[in-house]
C-alpha atoms as a PDB file:
ATOM      1  CA  MET A   1      65.923 171.119 107.034  1.00  0.00           C
ATOM      2  CA  ILE A   2      69.829 172.530 108.448  1.00  0.00           C
ATOM      3  CA  ILE A   3      72.107 171.906 105.925  1.00  0.00           C
ATOM      4  CA  GLY A   4      75.799 171.906 105.749  1.00  0.00           C
ATOM      5  CA  LEU A   5      77.732 173.032 103.378  1.00  0.00           C
ATOM      6  CA  THR A   6      81.297 172.425 103.361  1.00  0.00           C
ATOM      7  CA  GLY A   7      84.230 172.482 101.002  1.00  0.00           C
ATOM      8  CA  GLY A   8      87.828 173.220 100.015  1.00  0.00           C
ATOM      9  CA  ILE A   9      89.533 176.568 100.698  1.00  0.00           C
ATOM     10  CA  GLY A  10      88.649 178.772  97.012  1.00  0.00           C
ATOM     11  CA  SER A  11      85.288 176.463  96.117  1.00  0.00           C
ATOM     12  CA  GLY A  12      83.113 179.185  95.926  1.00  0.00           C
ATOM     13  CA  LYS A  13      81.100 178.042  99.679  1.00  0.00           C
ATOM     14  CA  SER A  14      80.571 181.506 100.532  1.00  0.00           C
ATOM     15  CA  VAL A  15      79.807 182.259  96.662  1.00  0.00           C
ATOM     16  CA  VAL A  16      77.310 179.373  97.382  1.00  0.00           C
ATOM     17  CA  GLY A  17      75.980 180.431 100.810  1.00  0.00           C
ATOM     18  CA  GLY A  18      75.157 184.482  99.542  1.00  0.00           C
ATOM     19  CA  MET A  19      72.904 182.146  96.270  1.00  0.00           C
ATOM     20  CA  LEU A  20      71.039 180.803  98.945  1.00  0.00           C
ATOM     21  CA  ARG A  21      70.466 183.171 100.787  1.00  0.00           C
ATOM     22  CA  GLU A  22      68.964 185.176  98.075  1.00  0.00           C
ATOM     23  CA  LEU A  23      66.873 181.947  97.772  1.00  0.00           C
ATOM     24  CA  GLY A  24      65.613 182.328 102.058  1.00  0.00           C
ATOM     25  CA  ALA A  25      67.714 180.230 103.601  1.00  0.00           C
ATOM     26  CA  TYR A  26      69.539 181.738 107.104  1.00  0.00           C
ATOM     27  CA  VAL A  27      72.601 181.264 106.094  1.00  0.00           C
ATOM     28  CA  ILE A  28      75.757 181.121 109.146  1.00  0.00           C
ATOM     29  CA  ASP A  29      79.289 181.729 107.823  1.00  0.00           C
ATOM     30  CA  THR A  30      80.770 179.683 110.663  1.00  0.00           C
ATOM     31  CA  ASP A  31      84.184 181.445 109.758  1.00  0.00           C
ATOM     32  CA  LYS A  32      82.283 184.354 111.156  1.00  0.00           C
ATOM     33  CA  VAL A  33      81.221 182.831 114.589  1.00  0.00           C
ATOM     34  CA  GLY A  34      84.590 181.712 114.908  1.00  0.00           C
ATOM     35  CA  HIS A  35      85.916 185.102 115.120  1.00  0.00           C
ATOM     36  CA  ARG A  36      83.330 185.786 117.222  1.00  0.00           C
ATOM     37  CA  VAL A  37      84.425 183.178 119.829  1.00  0.00           C
ATOM     38  CA  TYR A  38      88.295 184.738 119.979  1.00  0.00           C
ATOM     39  CA  GLU A  39      87.530 188.547 119.983  1.00  0.00           C
ATOM     40  CA  PRO A  40      89.572 190.135 122.497  1.00  0.00           C
ATOM     41  CA  ASP A  41      89.785 189.837 126.359  1.00  0.00           C
ATOM     42  CA  SER A  42      87.373 186.868 125.378  1.00  0.00           C
ATOM     43  CA  GLU A  43      87.772 182.948 127.156  1.00  0.00           C
ATOM     44  CA  GLY A  44      88.608 181.911 123.427  1.00  0.00           C
ATOM     45  CA  TRP A  45      91.482 184.810 123.054  1.00  0.00           C
ATOM     46  CA  LYS A  46      92.928 184.333 125.951  1.00  0.00           C
ATOM     47  CA  LYS A  47      93.038 180.211 125.643  1.00  0.00           C
ATOM     48  CA  ILE A  48      94.661 180.874 122.188  1.00  0.00           C
ATOM     49  CA  VAL A  49      97.059 183.577 123.718  1.00  0.00           C
ATOM     50  CA  GLU A  50      97.722 181.153 126.505  1.00  0.00           C
ATOM     51  CA  ALA A  51      98.262 178.020 123.841  1.00  0.00           C
ATOM     52  CA  PHE A  52      99.973 179.990 121.028  1.00  0.00           C
ATOM     53  CA  GLY A  53     101.666 182.897 122.487  1.00  0.00           C
ATOM     54  CA  THR A  54     101.487 186.898 122.139  1.00  0.00           C
ATOM     55  CA  GLU A  55     102.874 187.277 119.208  1.00  0.00           C
ATOM     56  CA  VAL A  56      99.881 185.643 117.610  1.00  0.00           C
ATOM     57  CA  VAL A  57      97.839 189.312 118.747  1.00  0.00           C
ATOM     58  CA  ALA A  58      97.782 192.197 116.509  1.00  0.00           C
ATOM     59  CA  ALA A  59      98.284 195.636 117.771  1.00  0.00           C
ATOM     60  CA  ASP A  60      94.923 196.035 118.069  1.00  0.00           C
ATOM     61  CA  ARG A  61      94.833 193.138 120.368  1.00  0.00           C
ATOM     62  CA  THR A  62      93.145 191.000 118.230  1.00  0.00           C
ATOM     63  CA  ILE A  63      94.077 187.432 117.021  1.00  0.00           C
ATOM     64  CA  ASP A  64      96.505 188.160 113.752  1.00  0.00           C
ATOM     65  CA  ARG A  65      94.804 185.264 112.028  1.00  0.00           C
ATOM     66  CA  LYS A  66      97.721 185.458 109.401  1.00  0.00           C
ATOM     67  CA  LYS A  67     100.577 184.149 111.629  1.00  0.00           C
ATOM     68  CA  LEU A  68      98.211 182.114 113.942  1.00  0.00           C
ATOM     69  CA  GLY A  69      97.065 180.563 110.420  1.00  0.00           C
ATOM     70  CA  ALA A  70     101.105 180.077 109.538  1.00  0.00           C
ATOM     71  CA  MET A  71     101.692 178.289 112.857  1.00  0.00           C
ATOM     72  CA  VAL A  72      98.601 176.286 112.633  1.00  0.00           C
ATOM     73  CA  PHE A  73      98.612 175.185 109.213  1.00  0.00           C
ATOM     74  CA  ALA A  74     102.603 173.724 109.311  1.00  0.00           C
ATOM     75  CA  ASP A  75     102.167 171.789 112.141  1.00  0.00           C
ATOM     76  CA  GLU A  76      99.568 169.453 112.922  1.00  0.00           C
ATOM     77  CA  ALA A  77      99.864 169.720 117.010  1.00  0.00           C
ATOM     78  CA  ARG A  78      99.193 172.924 116.534  1.00  0.00           C
ATOM     79  CA  ARG A  79      96.580 172.396 114.350  1.00  0.00           C
ATOM     80  CA  LYS A  80      94.826 169.950 116.871  1.00  0.00           C
ATOM     81  CA  THR A  81      95.392 171.949 119.799  1.00  0.00           C
ATOM     82  CA  LEU A  82      93.276 175.731 118.317  1.00  0.00           C
ATOM     83  CA  ASN A  83      90.782 172.870 116.844  1.00  0.00           C
ATOM     84  CA  GLY A  84      90.108 171.525 120.457  1.00  0.00           C
ATOM     85  CA  ILE A  85      89.789 175.169 121.614  1.00  0.00           C
ATOM     86  CA  VAL A  86      87.555 176.381 118.922  1.00  0.00           C
ATOM     87  CA  HIS A  87      85.434 174.002 118.229  1.00  0.00           C
ATOM     88  CA  PRO A  88      83.873 173.891 120.991  1.00  0.00           C
ATOM     89  CA  MET A  89      83.015 176.753 121.386  1.00  0.00           C
ATOM     90  CA  ILE A  90      81.752 177.541 117.588  1.00  0.00           C
ATOM     91  CA  PHE A  91      79.320 174.467 118.001  1.00  0.00           C
ATOM     92  CA  GLN A  92      77.882 176.314 120.976  1.00  0.00           C
ATOM     93  CA  GLU A  93      77.766 179.503 119.443  1.00  0.00           C
ATOM     94  CA  ILE A  94      75.934 177.736 116.387  1.00  0.00           C
ATOM     95  CA  ILE A  95      73.374 175.798 118.653  1.00  0.00           C
ATOM     96  CA  GLY A  96      72.502 179.315 120.210  1.00  0.00           C
ATOM     97  CA  GLU A  97      72.173 180.988 116.698  1.00  0.00           C
ATOM     98  CA  ILE A  98      69.784 178.226 115.466  1.00  0.00           C
ATOM     99  CA  ALA A  99      67.829 178.491 118.941  1.00  0.00           C
ATOM    100  CA  ALA A 100      67.481 182.132 118.515  1.00  0.00           C
ATOM    101  CA  GLN A 101      66.218 182.256 114.826  1.00  0.00           C
ATOM    102  CA  ARG A 102      63.716 179.011 115.440  1.00  0.00           C
ATOM    103  CA  ASP A 103      62.766 181.197 118.784  1.00  0.00           C
ATOM    104  CA  ALA A 104      62.086 183.969 116.472  1.00  0.00           C
ATOM    105  CA  GLY A 105      59.781 182.212 114.537  1.00  0.00           C
ATOM    106  CA  PHE A 106      62.488 181.938 111.150  1.00  0.00           C
ATOM    107  CA  GLN A 107      60.470 178.762 109.606  1.00  0.00           C
ATOM    108  CA  GLY A 108      62.858 177.990 106.825  1.00  0.00           C
ATOM    109  CA  HIS A 109      65.889 176.284 106.293  1.00  0.00           C
ATOM    110  CA  ILE A 110      69.439 176.848 107.794  1.00  0.00           C
ATOM    111  CA  VAL A 111      72.818 176.685 106.127  1.00  0.00           C
ATOM    112  CA  LEU A 112      75.933 175.947 108.191  1.00  0.00           C
ATOM    113  CA  GLU A 113      78.464 177.655 106.265  1.00  0.00           C
ATOM    114  CA  ALA A 114      81.405 175.159 107.290  1.00  0.00           C
ATOM    115  CA  PRO A 115      84.780 174.635 105.530  1.00  0.00           C
ATOM    116  CA  ILE A 116      86.033 172.014 107.826  1.00  0.00           C
ATOM    117  CA  LEU A 117      82.026 170.303 109.007  1.00  0.00           C
ATOM    118  CA  VAL A 118      83.093 167.136 108.342  1.00  0.00           C
ATOM    119  CA  GLU A 119      86.813 167.109 109.743  1.00  0.00           C
ATOM    120  CA  ALA A 120      85.470 169.106 112.997  1.00  0.00           C
ATOM    121  CA  LYS A 121      83.250 166.759 113.441  1.00  0.00           C
ATOM    122  CA  GLY A 122      80.037 168.677 112.555  1.00  0.00           C
ATOM    123  CA  THR A 123      78.214 166.311 110.637  1.00  0.00           C
ATOM    124  CA  GLY A 124      75.450 165.299 114.091  1.00  0.00           C
ATOM    125  CA  MET A 125      74.086 169.400 113.708  1.00  0.00           C
ATOM    126  CA  VAL A 126      73.258 168.978 110.053  1.00  0.00           C
ATOM    127  CA  ASP A 127      70.260 167.163 108.693  1.00  0.00           C
ATOM    128  CA  CYS A 128      71.865 166.950 105.285  1.00  0.00           C
ATOM    129  CA  ILE A 129      75.432 168.044 103.811  1.00  0.00           C
ATOM    130  CA  TRP A 130      76.215 169.624 100.460  1.00  0.00           C
ATOM    131  CA  VAL A 131      79.870 170.262  98.991  1.00  0.00           C
ATOM    132  CA  VAL A 132      80.886 172.505  97.141  1.00  0.00           C
ATOM    133  CA  VAL A 133      83.832 171.632  94.769  1.00  0.00           C
ATOM    134  CA  ALA A 134      86.099 172.678  92.077  1.00  0.00           C
ATOM    135  CA  PRO A 135      88.904 171.756  89.662  1.00  0.00           C
ATOM    136  CA  ARG A 136      92.113 172.976  91.825  1.00  0.00           C
ATOM    137  CA  PRO A 137      93.672 174.866  89.487  1.00  0.00           C
ATOM    138  CA  VAL A 138      90.995 176.832  89.169  1.00  0.00           C
ATOM    139  CA  ILE A 139      90.803 177.255  93.108  1.00  0.00           C
ATOM    140  CA  GLU A 140      94.677 178.124  93.276  1.00  0.00           C
ATOM    141  CA  ALA A 141      94.206 181.187  90.835  1.00  0.00           C
ATOM    142  CA  ARG A 142      90.753 182.622  92.934  1.00  0.00           C
ATOM    143  CA  LEU A 143      93.220 182.170  95.943  1.00  0.00           C
ATOM    144  CA  VAL A 144      96.132 184.025  94.522  1.00  0.00           C
ATOM    145  CA  SER A 145      94.629 187.130  93.018  1.00  0.00           C
ATOM    146  CA  GLY A 146      91.072 186.826  95.259  1.00  0.00           C
ATOM    147  CA  ARG A 147      92.962 186.738  98.395  1.00  0.00           C
ATOM    148  CA  ASP A 148      96.503 187.165  97.827  1.00  0.00           C
ATOM    149  CA  MET A 149      98.015 183.677  98.746  1.00  0.00           C
ATOM    150  CA  THR A 150     100.940 182.024  97.804  1.00  0.00           C
ATOM    151  CA  PRO A 151     101.203 179.097  96.067  1.00  0.00           C
ATOM    152  CA  GLU A 152     103.193 177.837  99.537  1.00  0.00           C
ATOM    153  CA  GLU A 153     100.056 179.198 101.862  1.00  0.00           C
ATOM    154  CA  ILE A 154      97.475 177.473  99.192  1.00  0.00           C
ATOM    155  CA  ALA A 155      99.230 173.943  99.103  1.00  0.00           C
ATOM    156  CA  ALA A 156      99.435 174.159 103.044  1.00  0.00           C
ATOM    157  CA  ARG A 157      96.122 174.944 103.195  1.00  0.00           C
ATOM    158  CA  MET A 158      94.802 172.481 100.574  1.00  0.00           C
ATOM    159  CA  ASN A 159      96.924 169.487 102.265  1.00  0.00           C
ATOM    160  CA  VAL A 160      95.790 169.773 105.435  1.00  0.00           C
ATOM    161  CA  GLN A 161      91.777 169.431 104.161  1.00  0.00           C
ATOM    162  CA  LEU A 162      90.165 166.375 102.825  1.00  0.00           C
ATOM    163  CA  ASP A 163      90.402 166.106  99.227  1.00  0.00           C
ATOM    164  CA  ASP A 164      86.919 166.043  97.616  1.00  0.00           C
ATOM    165  CA  ALA A 165      86.612 162.355  96.575  1.00  0.00           C
ATOM    166  CA  THR A 166      86.737 162.083 100.641  1.00  0.00           C
ATOM    167  CA  ARG A 167      84.205 165.087 100.617  1.00  0.00           C
ATOM    168  CA  ARG A 168      81.745 163.653  98.509  1.00  0.00           C
ATOM    169  CA  LYS A 169      81.805 160.588 100.377  1.00  0.00           C
ATOM    170  CA  HIS A 170      80.071 162.729 102.979  1.00  0.00           C
ATOM    171  CA  ALA A 171      77.657 164.281 100.553  1.00  0.00           C
ATOM    172  CA  ASP A 172      73.965 164.099  99.887  1.00  0.00           C
ATOM    173  CA  LEU A 173      74.618 166.307  97.530  1.00  0.00           C
ATOM    174  CA  VAL A 174      77.088 167.679  95.132  1.00  0.00           C
ATOM    175  CA  ILE A 175      77.681 171.387  93.377  1.00  0.00           C
ATOM    176  CA  GLU A 176      80.116 171.317  90.557  1.00  0.00           C
ATOM    177  CA  ASN A 177      81.659 175.167  90.616  1.00  0.00           C
ATOM    178  CA  ASP A 178      84.173 174.651  87.166  1.00  0.00           C
ATOM    179  CA  ALA A 179      82.217 177.089  85.142  1.00  0.00           C
ATOM    180  CA  ASP A 180      80.799 180.678  85.223  1.00  0.00           C
ATOM    181  CA  LEU A 181      78.252 182.109  87.678  1.00  0.00           C
ATOM    182  CA  VAL A 182      75.909 181.059  85.456  1.00  0.00           C
ATOM    183  CA  ALA A 183      76.100 177.770  85.663  1.00  0.00           C
ATOM    184  CA  LEU A 184      76.857 177.969  89.452  1.00  0.00           C
ATOM    185  CA  ARG A 185      73.599 180.187  89.830  1.00  0.00           C
ATOM    186  CA  ALA A 186      71.487 177.358  88.201  1.00  0.00           C
ATOM    187  CA  ASN A 187      73.247 174.510  90.130  1.00  0.00           C
ATOM    188  CA  VAL A 188      72.401 175.967  93.455  1.00  0.00           C
ATOM    189  CA  GLU A 189      68.620 176.203  92.359  1.00  0.00           C
ATOM    190  CA  ALA A 190      68.593 172.992  90.928  1.00  0.00           C
ATOM    191  CA  ALA A 191      70.017 171.791  94.609  1.00  0.00           C
ATOM    192  CA  TRP A 192      67.651 174.263  96.700  1.00  0.00           C
ATOM    193  CA  ARG A 193      64.374 172.602  94.528  1.00  0.00           C
ATOM    194  CA  THR A 194      65.441 169.466  95.914  1.00  0.00           C
ATOM    195  CA  LEU A 195      64.638 170.218  99.593  1.00  0.00           C
END
């Protein structure tokens, strides 16, 4: 099966993805795929620079994700422009990676760790959707301590994402991440047994 693993920023998707990898899944981190599609001088890089200007280019010629993020999370039109550039490229890369894994003989479950799976209209790529949820105060504490984000940066990102109630409507399975790692692992293993 191809599982779409989604959830809001700081919900614990990556931790859950790591646990699923340990259980035998092949995990595709769509954020990392996104970074690949706009490596320096690639087609995606050129389109982003054309749309947003050279101020989003860092000294090492990579796209400065923090500057780009500040632009797009403050302006819905710019966010749509960015998504229109990168989402088709990301989908193409994911399809290629899945095909390569199947061609190489991998017959297990594949997980697409995708923060905006529903918003990016990527649900047709998966057989089921698993949503990771956590209480907002827990998420905020994680992002402040783990990613050094300000409350304003957190709010800007959370305000443009689907809320958990909407995500739950799309979910075939919900993984609660409201306790410690032991409890989370138990929830993930229970989810895995449903496959």
